[in-house]
Amino acid sequence: MDKATGKAFLDADGKEIKAETTFTPTQPTGTVTVEFVFNATGLHGKEVVAFETLYYEGIELATHAEINDEGQTVKIKNPEIGTKATADGKRKLQRIRSRLPML
């Protein structure tokens, strides 16, 4: 859900973001990973809140849908790319300043 509007969150392609997984519990408590894959181009700074619903044989058993739940909120950030140059994998290279004559 879009935290700012409370409506379904749409990715950069205009598609509603949804994910689901099927699992069989092995213990009375635990966790399950649900992977969301979507185009986040241009969505920098937006906040998305994941709502959860648990079904068994088509019957809704539980739901968690709290728009202000910080534990369910993800802020989309732009990826950062950087490099660090080394001479032999251990030492940092120093920048060499040189002055070229102006013609």
Protein backbone atom coordinates (compact mmCIF):
# COMPACT_ATOMS: atom_id res chain seq x y z
CA MET A 1 0.00 0.00 0.00
CA ASP A 2 1.14 3.55 -0.66
CA LYS A 3 1.68 5.02 2.81
CA ALA A 4 0.94 8.56 1.63
CA THR A 5 -2.40 7.76 -0.02
CA GLY A 6 -3.53 4.53 1.66
CA LYS A 7 -4.24 3.12 -1.81
CA ALA A 8 -2.70 0.21 -3.68
CA PHE A 9 0.93 0.99 -4.55
CA LEU A 10 1.73 1.07 -8.26
CA ASP A 11 5.20 0.52 -9.67
CA ALA A 12 6.79 2.64 -12.41
CA ASP A 13 4.92 0.58 -15.04
CA GLY A 14 1.55 1.31 -13.39
CA LYS A 15 1.17 -2.25 -12.07
CA GLU A 16 -0.09 -2.96 -8.54
CA ILE A 17 2.68 -4.43 -6.41
CA LYS A 18 1.69 -7.83 -5.03
CA ALA A 19 3.49 -10.97 -3.94
CA GLU A 20 2.45 -14.29 -2.52
CA THR A 21 4.01 -17.47 -1.30
CA THR A 22 2.77 -20.91 -0.38
CA PHE A 23 4.24 -22.64 2.63
CA THR A 24 3.66 -25.51 5.01
CA PRO A 25 4.56 -24.65 8.61
CA THR A 26 6.86 -27.06 10.41
CA GLN A 27 6.47 -25.43 13.84
CA PRO A 28 3.72 -23.43 15.60
CA THR A 29 5.66 -20.15 15.18
CA GLY A 30 8.12 -18.88 12.61
CA THR A 31 8.69 -16.65 9.62
CA VAL A 32 8.35 -16.89 5.86
CA THR A 33 10.16 -14.75 3.29
CA VAL A 34 8.00 -13.16 0.60
CA GLU A 35 9.91 -11.56 -2.29
CA PHE A 36 8.50 -8.50 -4.08
CA VAL A 37 9.87 -7.83 -7.57
CA PHE A 38 8.85 -4.59 -9.30
CA ASN A 39 10.10 -1.64 -11.36
CA ALA A 40 11.03 1.09 -8.84
CA THR A 41 12.33 3.58 -11.43
CA GLY A 42 11.34 7.09 -10.35
CA LEU A 43 9.82 5.97 -7.04
CA HIS A 44 12.66 7.36 -4.87
CA GLY A 45 11.45 8.52 -1.46
CA LYS A 46 8.11 6.71 -1.60
CA GLU A 47 7.05 4.56 1.34
CA VAL A 48 5.36 1.21 0.83
CA VAL A 49 3.54 -0.72 3.55
CA ALA A 50 3.17 -4.50 3.22
CA PHE A 51 -0.20 -5.91 4.23
CA GLU A 52 -0.49 -9.62 4.96
CA THR A 53 -3.36 -12.07 4.74
CA LEU A 54 -3.13 -15.75 5.64
CA TYR A 55 -5.45 -18.23 3.94
CA TYR A 56 -5.99 -21.94 4.49
CA GLU A 57 -8.01 -23.84 1.91
CA GLY A 58 -9.47 -20.56 0.64
CA ILE A 59 -10.58 -19.37 4.08
CA GLU A 60 -9.06 -16.19 5.51
CA LEU A 61 -7.52 -17.03 8.90
CA ALA A 62 -5.63 -13.83 9.74
CA THR A 63 -4.79 -10.41 8.36
CA HIS A 64 -2.33 -7.66 9.25
CA ALA A 65 -3.18 -4.37 7.54
CA GLU A 66 -1.90 -1.38 9.52
CA ILE A 67 -0.85 1.54 7.30
CA ASN A 68 1.24 3.14 10.09
CA ASP A 69 3.13 -0.01 11.11
CA GLU A 70 6.82 0.97 10.81
CA GLY A 71 7.85 -2.70 10.91
CA GLN A 72 5.93 -3.28 7.66
CA THR A 73 7.09 -0.04 5.98
CA VAL A 74 9.82 0.10 3.33
CA LYS A 75 11.26 3.37 2.01
CA ILE A 76 12.43 3.17 -1.60
CA LYS A 77 15.90 4.62 -2.13
CA ASN A 78 17.99 5.18 -5.23
CA PRO A 79 20.88 2.73 -5.50
CA GLU A 80 24.34 4.17 -4.94
CA ILE A 81 27.34 2.98 -6.88
CA GLY A 82 30.94 3.66 -5.92
CA THR A 83 34.45 2.36 -6.42
CA LYS A 84 37.63 2.34 -4.39
CA ALA A 85 40.92 1.96 -6.27
CA THR A 86 43.72 -0.10 -4.76
CA ALA A 87 47.16 -0.99 -6.07
CA ASP A 88 47.34 -4.52 -4.68
CA GLY A 89 44.03 -4.95 -2.94
CA LYS A 90 45.41 -3.58 0.33
CA ARG A 91 46.68 -0.05 -0.22
CA LYS A 92 44.66 2.92 -1.31
CA LEU A 93 45.94 4.82 -4.32
CA GLN A 94 46.67 8.48 -3.83
CA ARG A 95 45.53 11.04 -6.32
CA ILE A 96 48.45 12.65 -8.10
CA ARG A 97 48.06 16.32 -8.89
CA SER A 98 49.88 17.68 -11.87
CA ARG A 99 49.97 21.04 -13.48
CA LEU A 100 49.91 21.17 -17.21
CA PRO A 101 50.99 24.32 -18.99
CA MET A 102 48.15 26.18 -20.62
CA LEU A 103 48.71 26.82 -24.31
